Amino acid sequence: MLTKRKKAIQIKKTQRHDGDTGSPEVQVAILTRRIEELSAHLDKNRKDKHSRRGLLGLVAARRAHLKYLESTNKRAYGTLVKKLGLKK
């Protein structure tokens, strides 16, 4: 589960300026963290179909945010992908 503390750490790592909580970079970072935690849960609980459906929704949302960021700011996109270690 993504706690407030873990979420705040992710926000601090990727924010553009102080108080930034809604930029695409921050949203992708938070989604990536949630995806990692849910993937770990699904490794232990293989038959949890409801969580698997939620995971697919998170992956789709992250893909949409990344696509938007790539089309608007390629430099920020490249930096974010390297920082988060995504396969792009």
PDB file of N, CA and C in Angstrom:
ATOM      1  N   MET A   1       0.838  -1.175   0.000  1.00  0.00           N
ATOM      2  CA  MET A   1       0.000   0.000   0.000  1.00  0.00           C
ATOM      3  C   MET A   1       0.885   1.241   0.000  1.00  0.00           C
ATOM      4  N   LEU A   2       0.523   2.204  -0.790  1.00  0.00           N
ATOM      5  CA  LEU A   2       1.284   3.440  -0.899  1.00  0.00           C
ATOM      6  C   LEU A   2       0.865   4.383   0.225  1.00  0.00           C
ATOM      7  N   THR A   3       1.738   4.534   1.211  1.00  0.00           N
ATOM      8  CA  THR A   3       1.427   5.389   2.348  1.00  0.00           C
ATOM      9  C   THR A   3       1.688   6.859   1.997  1.00  0.00           C
ATOM     10  N   LYS A   4       1.229   7.745   2.864  1.00  0.00           N
ATOM     11  CA  LYS A   4       1.441   9.182   2.635  1.00  0.00           C
ATOM     12  C   LYS A   4       2.925   9.512   2.598  1.00  0.00           C
ATOM     13  N   ARG A   5       3.686   8.858   3.431  1.00  0.00           N
ATOM     14  CA  ARG A   5       5.118   9.124   3.499  1.00  0.00           C
ATOM     15  C   ARG A   5       5.819   8.698   2.210  1.00  0.00           C
ATOM     16  N   LYS A   6       5.505   7.488   1.716  1.00  0.00           N
ATOM     17  CA  LYS A   6       6.112   7.015   0.475  1.00  0.00           C
ATOM     18  C   LYS A   6       5.716   7.901  -0.701  1.00  0.00           C
ATOM     19  N   LYS A   7       4.464   8.328  -0.702  1.00  0.00           N
ATOM     20  CA  LYS A   7       3.977   9.184  -1.767  1.00  0.00           C
ATOM     21  C   LYS A   7       4.688  10.536  -1.736  1.00  0.00           C
ATOM     22  N   ALA A   8       4.882  11.077  -0.542  1.00  0.00           N
ATOM     23  CA  ALA A   8       5.578  12.363  -0.408  1.00  0.00           C
ATOM     24  C   ALA A   8       7.022  12.267  -0.891  1.00  0.00           C
ATOM     25  N   ILE A   9       7.667  11.146  -0.635  1.00  0.00           N
ATOM     26  CA  ILE A   9       9.038  10.947  -1.102  1.00  0.00           C
ATOM     27  C   ILE A   9       9.081  10.927  -2.622  1.00  0.00           C
ATOM     28  N   GLN A  10       8.143  10.211  -3.244  1.00  0.00           N
ATOM     29  CA  GLN A  10       8.094  10.161  -4.714  1.00  0.00           C
ATOM     30  C   GLN A  10       7.844  11.555  -5.290  1.00  0.00           C
ATOM     31  N   ILE A  11       6.982  12.310  -4.660  1.00  0.00           N
ATOM     32  CA  ILE A  11       6.673  13.655  -5.147  1.00  0.00           C
ATOM     33  C   ILE A  11       7.909  14.539  -5.065  1.00  0.00           C
ATOM     34  N   LYS A  12       8.637  14.478  -3.945  1.00  0.00           N
ATOM     35  CA  LYS A  12       9.834  15.306  -3.784  1.00  0.00           C
ATOM     36  C   LYS A  12      10.892  14.971  -4.824  1.00  0.00           C
ATOM     37  N   LYS A  13      11.006  13.703  -5.195  1.00  0.00           N
ATOM     38  CA  LYS A  13      12.019  13.295  -6.165  1.00  0.00           C
ATOM     39  C   LYS A  13      11.733  13.819  -7.565  1.00  0.00           C
ATOM     40  N   THR A  14      10.464  13.975  -7.922  1.00  0.00           N
ATOM     41  CA  THR A  14      10.130  14.270  -9.312  1.00  0.00           C
ATOM     42  C   THR A  14       9.426  15.594  -9.544  1.00  0.00           C
ATOM     43  N   GLN A  15       9.191  16.378  -8.520  1.00  0.00           N
ATOM     44  CA  GLN A  15       8.433  17.612  -8.721  1.00  0.00           C
ATOM     45  C   GLN A  15       9.245  18.656  -9.476  1.00  0.00           C
ATOM     46  N   ARG A  16       8.542  19.489 -10.229  1.00  0.00           N
ATOM     47  CA  ARG A  16       9.179  20.559 -11.002  1.00  0.00           C
ATOM     48  C   ARG A  16       9.559  21.730 -10.109  1.00  0.00           C
ATOM     49  N   HIS A  17       8.718  22.052  -9.139  1.00  0.00           N
ATOM     50  CA  HIS A  17       8.938  23.149  -8.215  1.00  0.00           C
ATOM     51  C   HIS A  17       8.256  22.815  -6.896  1.00  0.00           C
ATOM     52  N   ASP A  18       8.521  23.611  -5.879  1.00  0.00           N
ATOM     53  CA  ASP A  18       7.892  23.364  -4.573  1.00  0.00           C
ATOM     54  C   ASP A  18       6.378  23.446  -4.690  1.00  0.00           C
ATOM     55  N   GLY A  19       5.692  22.495  -4.110  1.00  0.00           N
ATOM     56  CA  GLY A  19       4.231  22.481  -4.147  1.00  0.00           C
ATOM     57  C   GLY A  19       3.655  21.802  -5.376  1.00  0.00           C
ATOM     58  N   ASP A  20       4.507  21.291  -6.247  1.00  0.00           N
ATOM     59  CA  ASP A  20       4.044  20.627  -7.463  1.00  0.00           C
ATOM     60  C   ASP A  20       3.608  19.208  -7.139  1.00  0.00           C
ATOM     61  N   THR A  21       2.313  18.937  -7.291  1.00  0.00           N
ATOM     62  CA  THR A  21       1.807  17.592  -7.026  1.00  0.00           C
ATOM     63  C   THR A  21       1.017  17.026  -8.200  1.00  0.00           C
ATOM     64  N   GLY A  22       0.856  17.785  -9.272  1.00  0.00           N
ATOM     65  CA  GLY A  22      -0.004  17.325 -10.344  1.00  0.00           C
ATOM     66  C   GLY A  22       0.633  17.292 -11.717  1.00  0.00           C
ATOM     67  N   SER A  23       1.916  17.581 -11.814  1.00  0.00           N
ATOM     68  CA  SER A  23       2.556  17.550 -13.128  1.00  0.00           C
ATOM     69  C   SER A  23       2.611  16.104 -13.625  1.00  0.00           C
ATOM     70  N   PRO A  24       2.722  15.913 -14.933  1.00  0.00           N
ATOM     71  CA  PRO A  24       2.769  14.549 -15.464  1.00  0.00           C
ATOM     72  C   PRO A  24       3.916  13.723 -14.882  1.00  0.00           C
ATOM     73  N   GLU A  25       5.037  14.359 -14.608  1.00  0.00           N
ATOM     74  CA  GLU A  25       6.174  13.627 -14.041  1.00  0.00           C
ATOM     75  C   GLU A  25       5.825  13.051 -12.674  1.00  0.00           C
ATOM     76  N   VAL A  26       5.178  13.842 -11.848  1.00  0.00           N
ATOM     77  CA  VAL A  26       4.792  13.391 -10.509  1.00  0.00           C
ATOM     78  C   VAL A  26       3.749  12.282 -10.607  1.00  0.00           C
ATOM     79  N   GLN A  27       2.781  12.460 -11.481  1.00  0.00           N
ATOM     80  CA  GLN A  27       1.740  11.450 -11.623  1.00  0.00           C
ATOM     81  C   GLN A  27       2.308  10.119 -12.102  1.00  0.00           C
ATOM     82  N   VAL A  28       3.236  10.169 -13.054  1.00  0.00           N
ATOM     83  CA  VAL A  28       3.854   8.935 -13.554  1.00  0.00           C
ATOM     84  C   VAL A  28       4.664   8.270 -12.444  1.00  0.00           C
ATOM     85  N   ALA A  29       5.378   9.054 -11.650  1.00  0.00           N
ATOM     86  CA  ALA A  29       6.170   8.488 -10.556  1.00  0.00           C
ATOM     87  C   ALA A  29       5.282   7.794  -9.532  1.00  0.00           C
ATOM     88  N   ILE A  30       4.169   8.420  -9.184  1.00  0.00           N
ATOM     89  CA  ILE A  30       3.255   7.819  -8.213  1.00  0.00           C
ATOM     90  C   ILE A  30       2.628   6.548  -8.785  1.00  0.00           C
ATOM     91  N   LEU A  31       2.210   6.608 -10.042  1.00  0.00           N
ATOM     92  CA  LEU A  31       1.636   5.415 -10.672  1.00  0.00           C
ATOM     93  C   LEU A  31       2.659   4.284 -10.741  1.00  0.00           C
ATOM     94  N   THR A  32       3.908   4.618 -11.044  1.00  0.00           N
ATOM     95  CA  THR A  32       4.950   3.597 -11.119  1.00  0.00           C
ATOM     96  C   THR A  32       5.136   2.930  -9.772  1.00  0.00           C
ATOM     97  N   ARG A  33       5.147   3.711  -8.723  1.00  0.00           N
ATOM     98  CA  ARG A  33       5.299   3.147  -7.376  1.00  0.00           C
ATOM     99  C   ARG A  33       4.124   2.229  -7.030  1.00  0.00           C
ATOM    100  N   ARG A  34       2.899   2.650  -7.373  1.00  0.00           N
ATOM    101  CA  ARG A  34       1.717   1.819  -7.101  1.00  0.00           C
ATOM    102  C   ARG A  34       1.777   0.530  -7.910  1.00  0.00           C
ATOM    103  N   ILE A  35       2.236   0.619  -9.162  1.00  0.00           N
ATOM    104  CA  ILE A  35       2.347  -0.557 -10.021  1.00  0.00           C
ATOM    105  C   ILE A  35       3.353  -1.536  -9.435  1.00  0.00           C
ATOM    106  N   GLU A  36       4.483  -1.035  -8.954  1.00  0.00           N
ATOM    107  CA  GLU A  36       5.491  -1.912  -8.359  1.00  0.00           C
ATOM    108  C   GLU A  36       4.942  -2.640  -7.140  1.00  0.00           C
ATOM    109  N   GLU A  37       4.228  -1.923  -6.284  1.00  0.00           N
ATOM    110  CA  GLU A  37       3.689  -2.548  -5.076  1.00  0.00           C
ATOM    111  C   GLU A  37       2.599  -3.559  -5.405  1.00  0.00           C
ATOM    112  N   LEU A  38       1.756  -3.235  -6.374  1.00  0.00           N
ATOM    113  CA  LEU A  38       0.692  -4.157  -6.749  1.00  0.00           C
ATOM    114  C   LEU A  38       1.257  -5.393  -7.451  1.00  0.00           C
ATOM    115  N   SER A  39       2.329  -5.223  -8.207  1.00  0.00           N
ATOM    116  CA  SER A  39       2.979  -6.369  -8.851  1.00  0.00           C
ATOM    117  C   SER A  39       3.553  -7.322  -7.812  1.00  0.00           C
ATOM    118  N   ALA A  40       4.147  -6.761  -6.772  1.00  0.00           N
ATOM    119  CA  ALA A  40       4.675  -7.601  -5.694  1.00  0.00           C
ATOM    120  C   ALA A  40       3.544  -8.361  -5.002  1.00  0.00           C
ATOM    121  N   HIS A  41       2.403  -7.707  -4.815  1.00  0.00           N
ATOM    122  CA  HIS A  41       1.245  -8.363  -4.209  1.00  0.00           C
ATOM    123  C   HIS A  41       0.767  -9.520  -5.087  1.00  0.00           C
ATOM    124  N   LEU A  42       0.741  -9.285  -6.399  1.00  0.00           N
ATOM    125  CA  LEU A  42       0.240 -10.316  -7.311  1.00  0.00           C
ATOM    126  C   LEU A  42       1.208 -11.486  -7.459  1.00  0.00           C
ATOM    127  N   ASP A  43       2.494 -11.267  -7.188  1.00  0.00           N
ATOM    128  CA  ASP A  43       3.431 -12.386  -7.191  1.00  0.00           C
ATOM    129  C   ASP A  43       3.098 -13.373  -6.080  1.00  0.00           C
ATOM    130  N   LYS A  44       2.625 -12.853  -4.955  1.00  0.00           N
ATOM    131  CA  LYS A  44       2.276 -13.703  -3.825  1.00  0.00           C
ATOM    132  C   LYS A  44       0.868 -14.272  -3.949  1.00  0.00           C
ATOM    133  N   ASN A  45      -0.044 -13.514  -4.562  1.00  0.00           N
ATOM    134  CA  ASN A  45      -1.454 -13.891  -4.648  1.00  0.00           C
ATOM    135  C   ASN A  45      -1.864 -14.001  -6.116  1.00  0.00           C
ATOM    136  N   ARG A  46      -1.504 -15.087  -6.719  1.00  0.00           N
ATOM    137  CA  ARG A  46      -1.699 -15.261  -8.160  1.00  0.00           C
ATOM    138  C   ARG A  46      -3.167 -15.294  -8.591  1.00  0.00           C
ATOM    139  N   LYS A  47      -4.049 -15.697  -7.714  1.00  0.00           N
ATOM    140  CA  LYS A  47      -5.460 -15.830  -8.096  1.00  0.00           C
ATOM    141  C   LYS A  47      -6.285 -14.573  -7.831  1.00  0.00           C
ATOM    142  N   ASP A  48      -5.650 -13.496  -7.436  1.00  0.00           N
ATOM    143  CA  ASP A  48      -6.349 -12.258  -7.135  1.00  0.00           C
ATOM    144  C   ASP A  48      -6.655 -11.513  -8.435  1.00  0.00           C
ATOM    145  N   LYS A  49      -7.763 -11.870  -9.063  1.00  0.00           N
ATOM    146  CA  LYS A  49      -8.120 -11.311 -10.372  1.00  0.00           C
ATOM    147  C   LYS A  49      -8.550  -9.849 -10.273  1.00  0.00           C
ATOM    148  N   HIS A  50      -9.145  -9.451  -9.181  1.00  0.00           N
ATOM    149  CA  HIS A  50      -9.601  -8.070  -9.033  1.00  0.00           C
ATOM    150  C   HIS A  50      -8.415  -7.108  -8.968  1.00  0.00           C
ATOM    151  N   SER A  51      -7.379  -7.497  -8.259  1.00  0.00           N
ATOM    152  CA  SER A  51      -6.196  -6.648  -8.190  1.00  0.00           C
ATOM    153  C   SER A  51      -5.471  -6.610  -9.532  1.00  0.00           C
ATOM    154  N   ARG A  52      -5.514  -7.713 -10.256  1.00  0.00           N
ATOM    155  CA  ARG A  52      -4.882  -7.749 -11.574  1.00  0.00           C
ATOM    156  C   ARG A  52      -5.582  -6.767 -12.520  1.00  0.00           C
ATOM    157  N   ARG A  53      -6.885  -6.684 -12.425  1.00  0.00           N
ATOM    158  CA  ARG A  53      -7.623  -5.728 -13.253  1.00  0.00           C
ATOM    159  C   ARG A  53      -7.254  -4.292 -12.877  1.00  0.00           C
ATOM    160  N   GLY A  54      -7.101  -4.042 -11.591  1.00  0.00           N
ATOM    161  CA  GLY A  54      -6.667  -2.723 -11.145  1.00  0.00           C
ATOM    162  C   GLY A  54      -5.275  -2.386 -11.653  1.00  0.00           C
ATOM    163  N   LEU A  55      -4.401  -3.371 -11.662  1.00  0.00           N
ATOM    164  CA  LEU A  55      -3.046  -3.174 -12.172  1.00  0.00           C
ATOM    165  C   LEU A  55      -3.065  -2.779 -13.643  1.00  0.00           C
ATOM    166  N   LEU A  56      -3.901  -3.435 -14.418  1.00  0.00           N
ATOM    167  CA  LEU A  56      -3.998  -3.109 -15.843  1.00  0.00           C
ATOM    168  C   LEU A  56      -4.486  -1.682 -16.052  1.00  0.00           C
ATOM    169  N   GLY A  57      -5.396  -1.232 -15.202  1.00  0.00           N
ATOM    170  CA  GLY A  57      -5.863   0.149 -15.283  1.00  0.00           C
ATOM    171  C   GLY A  57      -4.764   1.147 -14.956  1.00  0.00           C
ATOM    172  N   LEU A  58      -3.939   0.829 -13.942  1.00  0.00           N
ATOM    173  CA  LEU A  58      -2.830   1.700 -13.579  1.00  0.00           C
ATOM    174  C   LEU A  58      -1.799   1.784 -14.699  1.00  0.00           C
ATOM    175  N   VAL A  59      -1.522   0.651 -15.319  1.00  0.00           N
ATOM    176  CA  VAL A  59      -0.556   0.624 -16.423  1.00  0.00           C
ATOM    177  C   VAL A  59      -1.072   1.454 -17.598  1.00  0.00           C
ATOM    178  N   ALA A  60      -2.351   1.353 -17.879  1.00  0.00           N
ATOM    179  CA  ALA A  60      -2.935   2.138 -18.973  1.00  0.00           C
ATOM    180  C   ALA A  60      -2.879   3.635 -18.665  1.00  0.00           C
ATOM    181  N   ALA A  61      -3.148   4.000 -17.426  1.00  0.00           N
ATOM    182  CA  ALA A  61      -3.091   5.413 -17.036  1.00  0.00           C
ATOM    183  C   ALA A  61      -1.663   5.938 -17.145  1.00  0.00           C
ATOM    184  N   ARG A  62      -0.700   5.142 -16.705  1.00  0.00           N
ATOM    185  CA  ARG A  62       0.700   5.572 -16.799  1.00  0.00           C
ATOM    186  C   ARG A  62       1.122   5.724 -18.255  1.00  0.00           C
ATOM    187  N   ARG A  63       0.691   4.801 -19.087  1.00  0.00           N
ATOM    188  CA  ARG A  63       1.021   4.883 -20.512  1.00  0.00           C
ATOM    189  C   ARG A  63       0.459   6.157 -21.124  1.00  0.00           C
ATOM    190  N   ALA A  64      -0.759   6.522 -20.750  1.00  0.00           N
ATOM    191  CA  ALA A  64      -1.380   7.741 -21.281  1.00  0.00           C
ATOM    192  C   ALA A  64      -0.622   8.986 -20.819  1.00  0.00           C
ATOM    193  N   HIS A  65      -0.221   9.011 -19.550  1.00  0.00           N
ATOM    194  CA  HIS A  65       0.546  10.157 -19.048  1.00  0.00           C
ATOM    195  C   HIS A  65       1.899  10.255 -19.740  1.00  0.00           C
ATOM    196  N   LEU A  66       2.548   9.109 -19.956  1.00  0.00           N
ATOM    197  CA  LEU A  66       3.836   9.120 -20.640  1.00  0.00           C
ATOM    198  C   LEU A  66       3.701   9.577 -22.085  1.00  0.00           C
ATOM    199  N   LYS A  67       2.657   9.151 -22.731  1.00  0.00           N
ATOM    200  CA  LYS A  67       2.422   9.556 -24.116  1.00  0.00           C
ATOM    201  C   LYS A  67       2.205  11.070 -24.202  1.00  0.00           C
ATOM    202  N   TYR A  68       1.449  11.610 -23.262  1.00  0.00           N
ATOM    203  CA  TYR A  68       1.224  13.055 -23.223  1.00  0.00           C
ATOM    204  C   TYR A  68       2.529  13.797 -22.974  1.00  0.00           C
ATOM    205  N   LEU A  69       3.308  13.325 -22.025  1.00  0.00           N
ATOM    206  CA  LEU A  69       4.563  13.985 -21.696  1.00  0.00           C
ATOM    207  C   LEU A  69       5.535  13.927 -22.871  1.00  0.00           C
ATOM    208  N   GLU A  70       5.557  12.809 -23.567  1.00  0.00           N
ATOM    209  CA  GLU A  70       6.444  12.677 -24.725  1.00  0.00           C
ATOM    210  C   GLU A  70       6.057  13.651 -25.832  1.00  0.00           C
ATOM    211  N   SER A  71       4.768  13.861 -26.021  1.00  0.00           N
ATOM    212  CA  SER A  71       4.328  14.753 -27.093  1.00  0.00           C
ATOM    213  C   SER A  71       4.521  16.223 -26.745  1.00  0.00           C
ATOM    214  N   THR A  72       4.541  16.564 -25.462  1.00  0.00           N
ATOM    215  CA  THR A  72       4.658  17.971 -25.077  1.00  0.00           C
ATOM    216  C   THR A  72       6.071  18.380 -24.697  1.00  0.00           C
ATOM    217  N   ASN A  73       6.847  17.476 -24.085  1.00  0.00           N
ATOM    218  CA  ASN A  73       8.166  17.847 -23.595  1.00  0.00           C
ATOM    219  C   ASN A  73       9.082  16.619 -23.657  1.00  0.00           C
ATOM    220  N   LYS A  74       9.768  16.446 -24.763  1.00  0.00           N
ATOM    221  CA  LYS A  74      10.602  15.253 -24.961  1.00  0.00           C
ATOM    222  C   LYS A  74      11.761  15.180 -23.977  1.00  0.00           C
ATOM    223  N   ARG A  75      12.329  16.315 -23.616  1.00  0.00           N
ATOM    224  CA  ARG A  75      13.461  16.317 -22.687  1.00  0.00           C
ATOM    225  C   ARG A  75      13.019  15.806 -21.311  1.00  0.00           C
ATOM    226  N   ALA A  76      11.902  16.298 -20.822  1.00  0.00           N
ATOM    227  CA  ALA A  76      11.390  15.854 -19.521  1.00  0.00           C
ATOM    228  C   ALA A  76      11.010  14.378 -19.581  1.00  0.00           C
ATOM    229  N   TYR A  77      10.483  13.947 -20.712  1.00  0.00           N
ATOM    230  CA  TYR A  77      10.114  12.538 -20.895  1.00  0.00           C
ATOM    231  C   TYR A  77      11.348  11.642 -20.772  1.00  0.00           C
ATOM    232  N   GLY A  78      12.407  12.010 -21.490  1.00  0.00           N
ATOM    233  CA  GLY A  78      13.631  11.211 -21.445  1.00  0.00           C
ATOM    234  C   GLY A  78      14.240  11.163 -20.058  1.00  0.00           C
ATOM    235  N   THR A  79      14.254  12.289 -19.387  1.00  0.00           N
ATOM    236  CA  THR A  79      14.789  12.355 -18.030  1.00  0.00           C
ATOM    237  C   THR A  79      13.988  11.483 -17.074  1.00  0.00           C
ATOM    238  N   LEU A  80      12.665  11.551 -17.190  1.00  0.00           N
ATOM    239  CA  LEU A  80      11.800  10.778 -16.296  1.00  0.00           C
ATOM    240  C   LEU A  80      11.953   9.280 -16.522  1.00  0.00           C
ATOM    241  N   VAL A  81      12.024   8.880 -17.776  1.00  0.00           N
ATOM    242  CA  VAL A  81      12.149   7.447 -18.081  1.00  0.00           C
ATOM    243  C   VAL A  81      13.464   6.901 -17.509  1.00  0.00           C
ATOM    244  N   LYS A  82      14.541   7.676 -17.623  1.00  0.00           N
ATOM    245  CA  LYS A  82      15.818   7.240 -17.059  1.00  0.00           C
ATOM    246  C   LYS A  82      15.761   7.192 -15.538  1.00  0.00           C
ATOM    247  N   LYS A  83      15.143   8.211 -14.936  1.00  0.00           N
ATOM    248  CA  LYS A  83      15.085   8.302 -13.485  1.00  0.00           C
ATOM    249  C   LYS A  83      14.287   7.154 -12.884  1.00  0.00           C
ATOM    250  N   LEU A  84      13.188   6.783 -13.537  1.00  0.00           N
ATOM    251  CA  LEU A  84      12.325   5.720 -13.008  1.00  0.00           C
ATOM    252  C   LEU A  84      12.747   4.332 -13.481  1.00  0.00           C
ATOM    253  N   GLY A  85      13.624   4.271 -14.476  1.00  0.00           N
ATOM    254  CA  GLY A  85      14.085   2.983 -14.979  1.00  0.00           C
ATOM    255  C   GLY A  85      13.044   2.244 -15.784  1.00  0.00           C
ATOM    256  N   LEU A  86      12.247   2.988 -16.563  1.00  0.00           N
ATOM    257  CA  LEU A  86      11.231   2.358 -17.388  1.00  0.00           C
ATOM    258  C   LEU A  86      11.839   1.888 -18.704  1.00  0.00           C
ATOM    259  N   LYS A  87      11.208   0.921 -19.343  1.00  0.00           N
ATOM    260  CA  LYS A  87      11.720   0.344 -20.587  1.00  0.00           C
ATOM    261  C   LYS A  87      11.219   1.127 -21.794  1.00  0.00           C
ATOM    262  N   LYS A  88      11.774   2.284 -22.034  1.00  0.00           N
ATOM    263  CA  LYS A  88      11.367   3.054 -23.213  1.00  0.00           C
ATOM    264  C   LYS A  88      12.568   3.616 -23.882  1.00  0.00           C
TER     265      LYS A  88
END
